[in-house]
Amino acid sequence: MSKQSRGLGKGLGALLGDADLNQIRKPVEYINKGVVTHDNEPAGSADIMLIPIDMIEPNPFQPRMSFDTEALEELAESIRTLGLIQPITVRRTSYGKYQIISGERRFRASGMAGITEMPAYIRDANDQGMLEMAIVENIQRENLDPIEVAMSYRRLIEECNLTQEQMADRIGKKRVSVTNYLRLLKLPAKIQHDLKVGLLSVGHAKVLLGIEDTGLQEKLCDITIKEGLSVRQLEEKIRKIAAKAGKKDANETNQDLPEEYFRILEIVGKYFESSISLKRSANGKGTMTVHFNSDEEMNKFLQALENSKI
């Protein structure tokens, strides 16, 4: 006697017959009140408020500089079908608008989907808080390119008057990691572009930072991309170039720096706009090179030395 087949193994279609899944998956609706336009708006941080999309502004501190158009279109189609599953987070401005703290990608996709109101949490945040939250959220998502990360770090330091150590504490990163990302901004624009679009890795960039000649940096960048060199292969090529030039083996002069050396780069570097480099051999010997643009920079550094500010 043959066993009768069970319907549970046939998937959702077996349970629902010919039902249209789009009819089952109805768009998300939020029952919380919509925002009002006067100043005494009663809204707690736990409330989800429906805000007219034309009252929402992008985050002026958004670290992300580009958004994938195809991915936005896919998200927009999902929002048309299912609604916005995850509310955005905003702050209210002094002029009655709302600035995005987190969720700009959802905001852009909602506009493409023709949405007129967006569900949002409303939080109190000053400019520093906005910048910090935007950077931390994006970094935690791990979808910023290396140059966006580096520029975000620099903005947080410059606009919020933080040291590298303070900023590292804010974002939960090691200070040496922060320093390494900031050093990427000293690379030529061409190499920064190749980092942004993924043609070059951060590992490759760190190796190129050990070369002072920007022309050679760019040439080696091109070779790395064209030949698909690994980081180790790039290091080997640099060793051969150094040997031909009659210099010391690059292994000897490009050792990873101890963490305290990055503190030196941080302290001295804030007095000079141009690059500063440290090279250290395995036995602890090395050189520090400072490039300066004017007598004024040197005088400012001298004054800091005399005043024992560093």
C-alpha atoms as a PDB file:
ATOM      1  CA  MET A   1       0.000   0.000   0.000  1.00  0.00           C
ATOM      2  CA  SER A   2       1.494   3.257  -1.050  1.00  0.00           C
ATOM      3  CA  LYS A   3       1.806   6.129   1.388  1.00  0.00           C
ATOM      4  CA  GLN A   4      -0.277   9.211   0.740  1.00  0.00           C
ATOM      5  CA  SER A   5       1.808  12.283   0.000  1.00  0.00           C
ATOM      6  CA  ARG A   6       1.750  15.067   2.571  1.00  0.00           C
ATOM      7  CA  GLY A   7       1.201  18.656   1.472  1.00  0.00           C
ATOM      8  CA  LEU A   8       3.568  20.220   4.011  1.00  0.00           C
ATOM      9  CA  GLY A   9       6.578  19.335   1.924  1.00  0.00           C
ATOM     10  CA  LYS A  10       5.386  21.319  -1.077  1.00  0.00           C
ATOM     11  CA  GLY A  11       6.180  24.729   0.297  1.00  0.00           C
ATOM     12  CA  LEU A  12       4.023  27.795   0.827  1.00  0.00           C
ATOM     13  CA  GLY A  13       2.135  27.243  -2.440  1.00  0.00           C
ATOM     14  CA  ALA A  14       0.795  23.904  -1.174  1.00  0.00           C
ATOM     15  CA  LEU A  15      -0.635  25.583   1.921  1.00  0.00           C
ATOM     16  CA  LEU A  16      -2.084  28.629   0.209  1.00  0.00           C
ATOM     17  CA  GLY A  17      -3.162  27.212  -3.112  1.00  0.00           C
ATOM     18  CA  ASP A  18      -3.322  29.815  -5.850  1.00  0.00           C
ATOM     19  CA  ALA A  19      -3.321  32.768  -3.451  1.00  0.00           C
ATOM     20  CA  ASP A  20      -1.360  35.800  -4.653  1.00  0.00           C
ATOM     21  CA  LEU A  21       1.565  36.409  -2.291  1.00  0.00           C
ATOM     22  CA  ASN A  22       1.391  40.139  -3.051  1.00  0.00           C
ATOM     23  CA  GLN A  23      -2.134  40.126  -1.620  1.00  0.00           C
ATOM     24  CA  ILE A  24      -0.903  38.401   1.535  1.00  0.00           C
ATOM     25  CA  ARG A  25       2.097  40.690   1.998  1.00  0.00           C
ATOM     26  CA  LYS A  26       0.340  43.974   2.547  1.00  0.00           C
ATOM     27  CA  PRO A  27       2.328  47.217   2.896  1.00  0.00           C
ATOM     28  CA  VAL A  28       3.384  48.110   6.429  1.00  0.00           C
ATOM     29  CA  GLU A  29       1.169  50.695   8.108  1.00  0.00           C
ATOM     30  CA  TYR A  30       2.074  52.729  11.197  1.00  0.00           C
ATOM     31  CA  ILE A  31      -0.688  53.692  13.603  1.00  0.00           C
ATOM     32  CA  ASN A  32       1.215  56.377  15.516  1.00  0.00           C
ATOM     33  CA  LYS A  33       0.197  59.977  15.046  1.00  0.00           C
ATOM     34  CA  GLY A  34       1.596  62.156  12.313  1.00  0.00           C
ATOM     35  CA  VAL A  35       3.719  65.195  13.102  1.00  0.00           C
ATOM     36  CA  VAL A  36       2.287  68.670  13.548  1.00  0.00           C
ATOM     37  CA  THR A  37       3.938  71.865  12.461  1.00  0.00           C
ATOM     38  CA  HIS A  38       3.829  74.001  15.622  1.00  0.00           C
ATOM     39  CA  ASP A  39       6.652  74.262  18.123  1.00  0.00           C
ATOM     40  CA  ASN A  40       5.113  72.328  21.046  1.00  0.00           C
ATOM     41  CA  GLU A  41       4.915  69.040  19.219  1.00  0.00           C
ATOM     42  CA  PRO A  42       4.501  66.204  21.760  1.00  0.00           C
ATOM     43  CA  ALA A  43       6.853  63.500  20.543  1.00  0.00           C
ATOM     44  CA  GLY A  44       8.913  61.117  22.635  1.00  0.00           C
ATOM     45  CA  SER A  45      12.009  59.380  21.339  1.00  0.00           C
ATOM     46  CA  ALA A  46      10.148  56.051  21.425  1.00  0.00           C
ATOM     47  CA  ASP A  47       7.288  57.299  19.222  1.00  0.00           C
ATOM     48  CA  ILE A  48       7.147  56.481  15.545  1.00  0.00           C
ATOM     49  CA  MET A  49       5.875  59.605  13.817  1.00  0.00           C
ATOM     50  CA  LEU A  50       4.652  59.862  10.240  1.00  0.00           C
ATOM     51  CA  ILE A  51       6.462  62.837   8.692  1.00  0.00           C
ATOM     52  CA  PRO A  52       5.682  64.346   5.270  1.00  0.00           C
ATOM     53  CA  ILE A  53       8.657  63.513   3.089  1.00  0.00           C
ATOM     54  CA  ASP A  54       8.977  67.138   1.942  1.00  0.00           C
ATOM     55  CA  MET A  55       9.683  68.132   5.562  1.00  0.00           C
ATOM     56  CA  ILE A  56      12.705  65.800   5.735  1.00  0.00           C
ATOM     57  CA  GLU A  57      16.218  66.908   4.779  1.00  0.00           C
ATOM     58  CA  PRO A  58      19.309  64.759   4.101  1.00  0.00           C
ATOM     59  CA  ASN A  59      21.948  64.549   6.786  1.00  0.00           C
ATOM     60  CA  PRO A  60      24.506  67.337   6.146  1.00  0.00           C
ATOM     61  CA  PHE A  61      27.068  65.220   8.000  1.00  0.00           C
ATOM     62  CA  GLN A  62      26.458  62.065   5.929  1.00  0.00           C
ATOM     63  CA  PRO A  63      29.836  60.321   5.459  1.00  0.00           C
ATOM     64  CA  ARG A  64      28.642  58.344   2.435  1.00  0.00           C
ATOM     65  CA  MET A  65      29.339  60.249  -0.774  1.00  0.00           C
ATOM     66  CA  SER A  66      27.741  57.880  -3.276  1.00  0.00           C
ATOM     67  CA  PHE A  67      24.748  55.549  -3.339  1.00  0.00           C
ATOM     68  CA  ASP A  68      24.332  52.531  -5.614  1.00  0.00           C
ATOM     69  CA  THR A  69      21.517  53.487  -8.005  1.00  0.00           C
ATOM     70  CA  GLU A  70      20.569  49.894  -8.820  1.00  0.00           C
ATOM     71  CA  ALA A  71      20.393  48.967  -5.133  1.00  0.00           C
ATOM     72  CA  LEU A  72      18.243  52.071  -4.458  1.00  0.00           C
ATOM     73  CA  GLU A  73      15.846  51.075  -7.230  1.00  0.00           C
ATOM     74  CA  GLU A  74      15.532  47.569  -5.759  1.00  0.00           C
ATOM     75  CA  LEU A  75      14.813  49.022  -2.319  1.00  0.00           C
ATOM     76  CA  ALA A  76      12.293  51.453  -3.821  1.00  0.00           C
ATOM     77  CA  GLU A  77      10.423  48.543  -5.443  1.00  0.00           C
ATOM     78  CA  SER A  78      10.377  46.716  -2.105  1.00  0.00           C
ATOM     79  CA  ILE A  79       8.980  49.831  -0.398  1.00  0.00           C
ATOM     80  CA  ARG A  80       6.242  50.162  -3.051  1.00  0.00           C
ATOM     81  CA  THR A  81       5.199  46.580  -2.364  1.00  0.00           C
ATOM     82  CA  LEU A  82       5.714  46.184   1.381  1.00  0.00           C
ATOM     83  CA  GLY A  83       6.071  49.704   2.744  1.00  0.00           C
ATOM     84  CA  LEU A  84       9.040  50.884   4.796  1.00  0.00           C
ATOM     85  CA  ILE A  85       9.786  48.154   7.330  1.00  0.00           C
ATOM     86  CA  GLN A  86      12.386  50.048   9.388  1.00  0.00           C
ATOM     87  CA  PRO A  87      11.670  53.694  10.340  1.00  0.00           C
ATOM     88  CA  ILE A  88      14.396  56.285   9.867  1.00  0.00           C
ATOM     89  CA  THR A  89      15.738  58.439  12.718  1.00  0.00           C
ATOM     90  CA  VAL A  90      15.614  62.232  12.517  1.00  0.00           C
ATOM     91  CA  ARG A  91      16.117  65.381  14.572  1.00  0.00           C
ATOM     92  CA  ARG A  92      13.951  68.471  14.397  1.00  0.00           C
ATOM     93  CA  THR A  93      15.626  71.688  13.222  1.00  0.00           C
ATOM     94  CA  SER A  94      15.036  75.178  14.558  1.00  0.00           C
ATOM     95  CA  TYR A  95      13.196  76.080  11.345  1.00  0.00           C
ATOM     96  CA  GLY A  96      10.617  73.285  11.516  1.00  0.00           C
ATOM     97  CA  LYS A  97      12.206  70.723   9.229  1.00  0.00           C
ATOM     98  CA  TYR A  98      13.625  67.303  10.097  1.00  0.00           C
ATOM     99  CA  GLN A  99      17.207  66.241   9.388  1.00  0.00           C
ATOM    100  CA  ILE A 100      18.089  62.592   8.964  1.00  0.00           C
ATOM    101  CA  ILE A 101      20.327  61.077  11.635  1.00  0.00           C
ATOM    102  CA  SER A 102      20.238  57.598  10.131  1.00  0.00           C
ATOM    103  CA  GLY A 103      18.403  56.078   7.193  1.00  0.00           C
ATOM    104  CA  GLU A 104      19.310  58.299   4.236  1.00  0.00           C
ATOM    105  CA  ARG A 105      19.333  55.324   1.871  1.00  0.00           C
ATOM    106  CA  ARG A 106      15.770  54.458   2.942  1.00  0.00           C
ATOM    107  CA  PHE A 107      14.806  58.138   2.539  1.00  0.00           C
ATOM    108  CA  ARG A 108      16.141  58.294  -1.017  1.00  0.00           C
ATOM    109  CA  ALA A 109      14.495  55.031  -2.002  1.00  0.00           C
ATOM    110  CA  SER A 110      11.170  56.153  -0.503  1.00  0.00           C
ATOM    111  CA  GLY A 111      11.285  59.296  -2.641  1.00  0.00           C
ATOM    112  CA  MET A 112      11.887  57.130  -5.713  1.00  0.00           C
ATOM    113  CA  ALA A 113       8.929  54.953  -4.675  1.00  0.00           C
ATOM    114  CA  GLY A 114       6.604  57.964  -4.525  1.00  0.00           C
ATOM    115  CA  ILE A 115       6.059  57.753  -0.774  1.00  0.00           C
ATOM    116  CA  THR A 116       4.595  60.979   0.701  1.00  0.00           C
ATOM    117  CA  GLU A 117       5.030  60.208   4.420  1.00  0.00           C
ATOM    118  CA  MET A 118       7.796  58.381   6.245  1.00  0.00           C
ATOM    119  CA  PRO A 119       7.770  56.706   9.665  1.00  0.00           C
ATOM    120  CA  ALA A 120      10.551  58.120  11.836  1.00  0.00           C
ATOM    121  CA  TYR A 121      11.895  58.236  15.365  1.00  0.00           C
ATOM    122  CA  ILE A 122      12.597  61.803  16.516  1.00  0.00           C
ATOM    123  CA  ARG A 123      15.701  62.359  18.654  1.00  0.00           C
ATOM    124  CA  ASP A 124      17.464  65.364  20.144  1.00  0.00           C
ATOM    125  CA  ALA A 125      20.970  65.797  18.716  1.00  0.00           C
ATOM    126  CA  ASN A 126      23.389  68.686  18.213  1.00  0.00           C
ATOM    127  CA  ASP A 127      25.730  68.940  15.230  1.00  0.00           C
ATOM    128  CA  GLN A 128      28.466  66.941  16.929  1.00  0.00           C
ATOM    129  CA  GLY A 129      25.980  64.269  17.910  1.00  0.00           C
ATOM    130  CA  MET A 130      24.647  64.161  14.355  1.00  0.00           C
ATOM    131  CA  LEU A 131      28.106  63.708  12.901  1.00  0.00           C
ATOM    132  CA  GLU A 132      29.134  61.082  15.429  1.00  0.00           C
ATOM    133  CA  MET A 133      25.944  59.065  15.022  1.00  0.00           C
ATOM    134  CA  ALA A 134      26.091  59.206  11.228  1.00  0.00           C
ATOM    135  CA  ILE A 135      29.715  58.063  11.163  1.00  0.00           C
ATOM    136  CA  VAL A 136      29.284  55.322  13.749  1.00  0.00           C
ATOM    137  CA  GLU A 137      26.150  53.973  12.062  1.00  0.00           C
ATOM    138  CA  ASN A 138      27.821  53.833   8.673  1.00  0.00           C
ATOM    139  CA  ILE A 139      31.022  52.287  10.014  1.00  0.00           C
ATOM    140  CA  GLN A 140      29.038  49.626  11.869  1.00  0.00           C
ATOM    141  CA  ARG A 141      27.317  48.726   8.610  1.00  0.00           C
ATOM    142  CA  GLU A 142      30.814  48.234   7.137  1.00  0.00           C
ATOM    143  CA  ASN A 143      29.775  49.513   3.707  1.00  0.00           C
ATOM    144  CA  LEU A 144      31.836  52.693   3.430  1.00  0.00           C
ATOM    145  CA  ASP A 145      34.835  52.616   1.129  1.00  0.00           C
ATOM    146  CA  PRO A 146      38.250  53.270   2.760  1.00  0.00           C
ATOM    147  CA  ILE A 147      38.431  56.912   1.632  1.00  0.00           C
ATOM    148  CA  GLU A 148      34.920  57.629   2.942  1.00  0.00           C
ATOM    149  CA  VAL A 149      35.985  56.128   6.274  1.00  0.00           C
ATOM    150  CA  ALA A 150      39.168  58.237   6.330  1.00  0.00           C
ATOM    151  CA  MET A 151      37.314  61.447   5.455  1.00  0.00           C
ATOM    152  CA  SER A 152      34.701  60.680   8.108  1.00  0.00           C
ATOM    153  CA  TYR A 153      37.444  60.269  10.696  1.00  0.00           C
ATOM    154  CA  ARG A 154      39.027  63.557   9.654  1.00  0.00           C
ATOM    155  CA  ARG A 155      35.700  65.404   9.847  1.00  0.00           C
ATOM    156  CA  LEU A 156      35.053  64.060  13.321  1.00  0.00           C
ATOM    157  CA  ILE A 157      38.510  65.201  14.457  1.00  0.00           C
ATOM    158  CA  GLU A 158      38.382  68.635  12.835  1.00  0.00           C
ATOM    159  CA  GLU A 159      34.727  69.578  13.352  1.00  0.00           C
ATOM    160  CA  CYS A 160      34.337  68.129  16.838  1.00  0.00           C
ATOM    161  CA  ASN A 161      37.841  69.084  18.039  1.00  0.00           C
ATOM    162  CA  LEU A 162      38.807  65.556  19.016  1.00  0.00           C
ATOM    163  CA  THR A 163      42.217  63.955  19.172  1.00  0.00           C
ATOM    164  CA  GLN A 164      42.755  60.692  17.340  1.00  0.00           C
ATOM    165  CA  GLU A 165      42.703  58.880  20.672  1.00  0.00           C
ATOM    166  CA  GLN A 166      39.374  60.451  21.700  1.00  0.00           C
ATOM    167  CA  MET A 167      37.863  59.646  18.335  1.00  0.00           C
ATOM    168  CA  ALA A 168      39.082  56.068  18.464  1.00  0.00           C
ATOM    169  CA  ASP A 169      37.312  55.699  21.818  1.00  0.00           C
ATOM    170  CA  ARG A 170      34.097  57.160  20.342  1.00  0.00           C
ATOM    171  CA  ILE A 171      33.915  54.660  17.501  1.00  0.00           C
ATOM    172  CA  GLY A 172      35.385  51.668  19.327  1.00  0.00           C
ATOM    173  CA  LYS A 173      38.485  51.342  17.152  1.00  0.00           C
ATOM    174  CA  LYS A 174      42.177  51.105  18.002  1.00  0.00           C
ATOM    175  CA  ARG A 175      44.015  54.391  17.569  1.00  0.00           C
ATOM    176  CA  VAL A 176      46.549  52.782  15.246  1.00  0.00           C
ATOM    177  CA  SER A 177      43.654  51.776  12.967  1.00  0.00           C
ATOM    178  CA  VAL A 178      42.374  55.372  12.935  1.00  0.00           C
ATOM    179  CA  THR A 179      45.866  56.672  12.140  1.00  0.00           C
ATOM    180  CA  ASN A 180      46.297  54.193   9.304  1.00  0.00           C
ATOM    181  CA  TYR A 181      43.032  55.296   7.696  1.00  0.00           C
ATOM    182  CA  LEU A 182      43.926  58.996   8.037  1.00  0.00           C
ATOM    183  CA  ARG A 183      47.256  58.336   6.329  1.00  0.00           C
ATOM    184  CA  LEU A 184      45.344  57.209   3.220  1.00  0.00           C
ATOM    185  CA  LEU A 185      44.362  60.843   2.637  1.00  0.00           C
ATOM    186  CA  LYS A 186      48.037  61.664   2.019  1.00  0.00           C
ATOM    187  CA  LEU A 187      48.069  59.454  -1.076  1.00  0.00           C
ATOM    188  CA  PRO A 188      47.765  61.052  -4.547  1.00  0.00           C
ATOM    189  CA  ALA A 189      44.188  61.620  -5.755  1.00  0.00           C
ATOM    190  CA  LYS A 190      44.554  58.907  -8.409  1.00  0.00           C
ATOM    191  CA  ILE A 191      45.378  56.240  -5.833  1.00  0.00           C
ATOM    192  CA  GLN A 192      42.581  57.465  -3.557  1.00  0.00           C
ATOM    193  CA  HIS A 193      40.167  57.014  -6.471  1.00  0.00           C
ATOM    194  CA  ASP A 194      41.381  53.460  -7.075  1.00  0.00           C
ATOM    195  CA  LEU A 195      40.844  52.718  -3.388  1.00  0.00           C
ATOM    196  CA  LYS A 196      37.310  54.126  -3.535  1.00  0.00           C
ATOM    197  CA  VAL A 197      36.254  51.993  -6.479  1.00  0.00           C
ATOM    198  CA  GLY A 198      37.880  48.827  -5.123  1.00  0.00           C
ATOM    199  CA  LEU A 199      40.718  48.470  -7.628  1.00  0.00           C
ATOM    200  CA  LEU A 200      43.230  48.668  -4.779  1.00  0.00           C
ATOM    201  CA  SER A 201      43.085  47.329  -1.215  1.00  0.00           C
ATOM    202  CA  VAL A 202      44.003  49.132   1.997  1.00  0.00           C
ATOM    203  CA  GLY A 203      46.882  46.659   2.328  1.00  0.00           C
ATOM    204  CA  HIS A 204      48.291  47.777  -1.023  1.00  0.00           C
ATOM    205  CA  ALA A 205      47.821  51.423  -0.025  1.00  0.00           C
ATOM    206  CA  LYS A 206      49.760  50.941   3.226  1.00  0.00           C
ATOM    207  CA  VAL A 207      52.677  49.536   1.224  1.00  0.00           C
ATOM    208  CA  LEU A 208      52.577  52.479  -1.204  1.00  0.00           C
ATOM    209  CA  LEU A 209      52.592  54.921   1.724  1.00  0.00           C
ATOM    210  CA  GLY A 210      56.128  53.744   2.481  1.00  0.00           C
ATOM    211  CA  ILE A 211      57.304  55.384  -0.759  1.00  0.00           C
ATOM    212  CA  GLU A 212      57.981  59.113  -0.756  1.00  0.00           C
ATOM    213  CA  ASP A 213      58.018  59.630  -4.532  1.00  0.00           C
ATOM    214  CA  THR A 214      54.368  60.236  -5.558  1.00  0.00           C
ATOM    215  CA  GLY A 215      55.172  59.502  -9.197  1.00  0.00           C
ATOM    216  CA  LEU A 216      56.540  56.098  -8.246  1.00  0.00           C
ATOM    217  CA  GLN A 217      53.510  55.515  -6.011  1.00  0.00           C
ATOM    218  CA  GLU A 218      51.175  56.073  -8.958  1.00  0.00           C
ATOM    219  CA  LYS A 219      53.266  53.935 -11.310  1.00  0.00           C
ATOM    220  CA  LEU A 220      53.302  51.037  -8.850  1.00  0.00           C
ATOM    221  CA  CYS A 221      49.566  51.479  -8.323  1.00  0.00           C
ATOM    222  CA  ASP A 222      48.992  51.069 -12.067  1.00  0.00           C
ATOM    223  CA  ILE A 223      51.239  47.988 -12.191  1.00  0.00           C
ATOM    224  CA  THR A 224      49.456  46.449  -9.209  1.00  0.00           C
ATOM    225  CA  ILE A 225      46.054  46.847 -10.849  1.00  0.00           C
ATOM    226  CA  LYS A 226      47.196  45.759 -14.329  1.00  0.00           C
ATOM    227  CA  GLU A 227      49.054  42.671 -13.128  1.00  0.00           C
ATOM    228  CA  GLY A 228      46.710  41.843 -10.247  1.00  0.00           C
ATOM    229  CA  LEU A 229      49.545  41.880  -7.710  1.00  0.00           C
ATOM    230  CA  SER A 230      48.938  40.726  -4.154  1.00  0.00           C
ATOM    231  CA  VAL A 231      50.251  42.826  -1.279  1.00  0.00           C
ATOM    232  CA  ARG A 232      53.265  40.531  -0.912  1.00  0.00           C
ATOM    233  CA  GLN A 233      53.989  40.686  -4.632  1.00  0.00           C
ATOM    234  CA  LEU A 234      53.875  44.476  -4.483  1.00  0.00           C
ATOM    235  CA  GLU A 235      56.301  44.446  -1.546  1.00  0.00           C
ATOM    236  CA  GLU A 236      58.630  42.191  -3.506  1.00  0.00           C
ATOM    237  CA  LYS A 237      58.526  44.517  -6.515  1.00  0.00           C
ATOM    238  CA  ILE A 238      59.403  47.465  -4.277  1.00  0.00           C
ATOM    239  CA  ARG A 239      62.321  45.490  -2.809  1.00  0.00           C
ATOM    240  CA  LYS A 240      63.657  44.865  -6.309  1.00  0.00           C
ATOM    241  CA  ILE A 241      63.323  48.557  -7.196  1.00  0.00           C
ATOM    242  CA  ALA A 242      65.128  49.523  -4.010  1.00  0.00           C
ATOM    243  CA  ALA A 243      67.900  47.016  -4.738  1.00  0.00           C
ATOM    244  CA  LYS A 244      68.381  48.395  -8.230  1.00  0.00           C
ATOM    245  CA  ALA A 245      68.598  51.903  -6.834  1.00  0.00           C
ATOM    246  CA  GLY A 246      71.329  50.769  -4.435  1.00  0.00           C
ATOM    247  CA  LYS A 247      69.134  51.300  -1.371  1.00  0.00           C
ATOM    248  CA  LYS A 248      68.654  49.102   1.656  1.00  0.00           C
ATOM    249  CA  ASP A 249      66.330  46.172   1.439  1.00  0.00           C
ATOM    250  CA  ALA A 250      62.774  47.384   1.836  1.00  0.00           C
ATOM    251  CA  ASN A 251      62.169  44.686   4.442  1.00  0.00           C
ATOM    252  CA  GLU A 252      64.733  46.417   6.588  1.00  0.00           C
ATOM    253  CA  THR A 253      63.429  49.951   6.130  1.00  0.00           C
ATOM    254  CA  ASN A 254      59.661  49.405   6.022  1.00  0.00           C
ATOM    255  CA  GLN A 255      59.023  47.468   9.217  1.00  0.00           C
ATOM    256  CA  ASP A 256      55.595  47.962  10.828  1.00  0.00           C
ATOM    257  CA  LEU A 257      55.892  50.896  13.201  1.00  0.00           C
ATOM    258  CA  PRO A 258      55.248  50.490  16.937  1.00  0.00           C
ATOM    259  CA  GLU A 259      51.988  52.124  18.018  1.00  0.00           C
ATOM    260  CA  GLU A 260      53.781  54.956  19.869  1.00  0.00           C
ATOM    261  CA  TYR A 261      55.337  56.058  16.572  1.00  0.00           C
ATOM    262  CA  PHE A 262      51.879  56.872  15.259  1.00  0.00           C
ATOM    263  CA  ARG A 263      51.464  59.173  18.262  1.00  0.00           C
ATOM    264  CA  ILE A 264      54.565  61.052  17.071  1.00  0.00           C
ATOM    265  CA  LEU A 265      53.072  61.345  13.580  1.00  0.00           C
ATOM    266  CA  GLU A 266      49.832  62.631  15.068  1.00  0.00           C
ATOM    267  CA  ILE A 267      51.465  65.264  17.310  1.00  0.00           C
ATOM    268  CA  VAL A 268      53.993  66.588  14.836  1.00  0.00           C
ATOM    269  CA  GLY A 269      51.692  66.238  11.850  1.00  0.00           C
ATOM    270  CA  LYS A 270      49.156  68.790  13.083  1.00  0.00           C
ATOM    271  CA  TYR A 271      51.729  71.571  12.563  1.00  0.00           C
ATOM    272  CA  PHE A 272      52.343  70.750   8.894  1.00  0.00           C
ATOM    273  CA  GLU A 273      49.975  70.479   5.934  1.00  0.00           C
ATOM    274  CA  SER A 274      52.305  68.255   3.901  1.00  0.00           C
ATOM    275  CA  SER A 275      53.172  64.656   4.633  1.00  0.00           C
ATOM    276  CA  ILE A 276      55.369  63.333   7.414  1.00  0.00           C
ATOM    277  CA  SER A 277      56.902  59.878   7.182  1.00  0.00           C
ATOM    278  CA  LEU A 278      58.662  57.579   9.621  1.00  0.00           C
ATOM    279  CA  LYS A 279      60.823  54.653   8.572  1.00  0.00           C
ATOM    280  CA  ARG A 280      62.208  52.181  11.059  1.00  0.00           C
ATOM    281  CA  SER A 281      64.488  49.190  10.550  1.00  0.00           C
ATOM    282  CA  ALA A 282      64.267  45.931  12.461  1.00  0.00           C
ATOM    283  CA  ASN A 283      67.034  47.058  14.846  1.00  0.00           C
ATOM    284  CA  GLY A 284      65.180  50.266  15.774  1.00  0.00           C
ATOM    285  CA  LYS A 285      67.134  52.686  13.589  1.00  0.00           C
ATOM    286  CA  GLY A 286      65.328  54.872  11.101  1.00  0.00           C
ATOM    287  CA  THR A 287      64.470  58.311   9.748  1.00  0.00           C
ATOM    288  CA  MET A 288      61.674  60.831  10.121  1.00  0.00           C
ATOM    289  CA  THR A 289      61.039  63.119   7.138  1.00  0.00           C
ATOM    290  CA  VAL A 290      58.993  66.320   7.459  1.00  0.00           C
ATOM    291  CA  HIS A 291      57.840  68.219   4.376  1.00  0.00           C
ATOM    292  CA  PHE A 292      56.887  71.851   5.045  1.00  0.00           C
ATOM    293  CA  ASN A 293      55.275  74.469   2.801  1.00  0.00           C
ATOM    294  CA  SER A 294      56.459  77.737   4.363  1.00  0.00           C
ATOM    295  CA  ASP A 295      58.573  79.441   6.995  1.00  0.00           C
ATOM    296  CA  GLU A 296      55.344  80.102   8.859  1.00  0.00           C
ATOM    297  CA  GLU A 297      54.793  76.380   9.402  1.00  0.00           C
ATOM    298  CA  MET A 298      58.301  75.951  10.766  1.00  0.00           C
ATOM    299  CA  ASN A 299      57.969  79.008  13.025  1.00  0.00           C
ATOM    300  CA  LYS A 300      54.685  77.691  14.386  1.00  0.00           C
ATOM    301  CA  PHE A 301      56.322  74.341  15.125  1.00  0.00           C
ATOM    302  CA  LEU A 302      59.323  76.050  16.750  1.00  0.00           C
ATOM    303  CA  GLN A 303      57.032  78.144  18.941  1.00  0.00           C
ATOM    304  CA  ALA A 304      55.211  75.001  20.071  1.00  0.00           C
ATOM    305  CA  LEU A 305      58.553  73.402  20.971  1.00  0.00           C
ATOM    306  CA  GLU A 306      59.666  76.453  22.913  1.00  0.00           C
ATOM    307  CA  ASN A 307      56.366  76.633  24.763  1.00  0.00           C
ATOM    308  CA  SER A 308      56.596  72.903  25.523  1.00  0.00           C
ATOM    309  CA  LYS A 309      53.188  72.274  23.997  1.00  0.00           C
ATOM    310  CA  ILE A 310      54.218  68.953  22.548  1.00  0.00           C
END
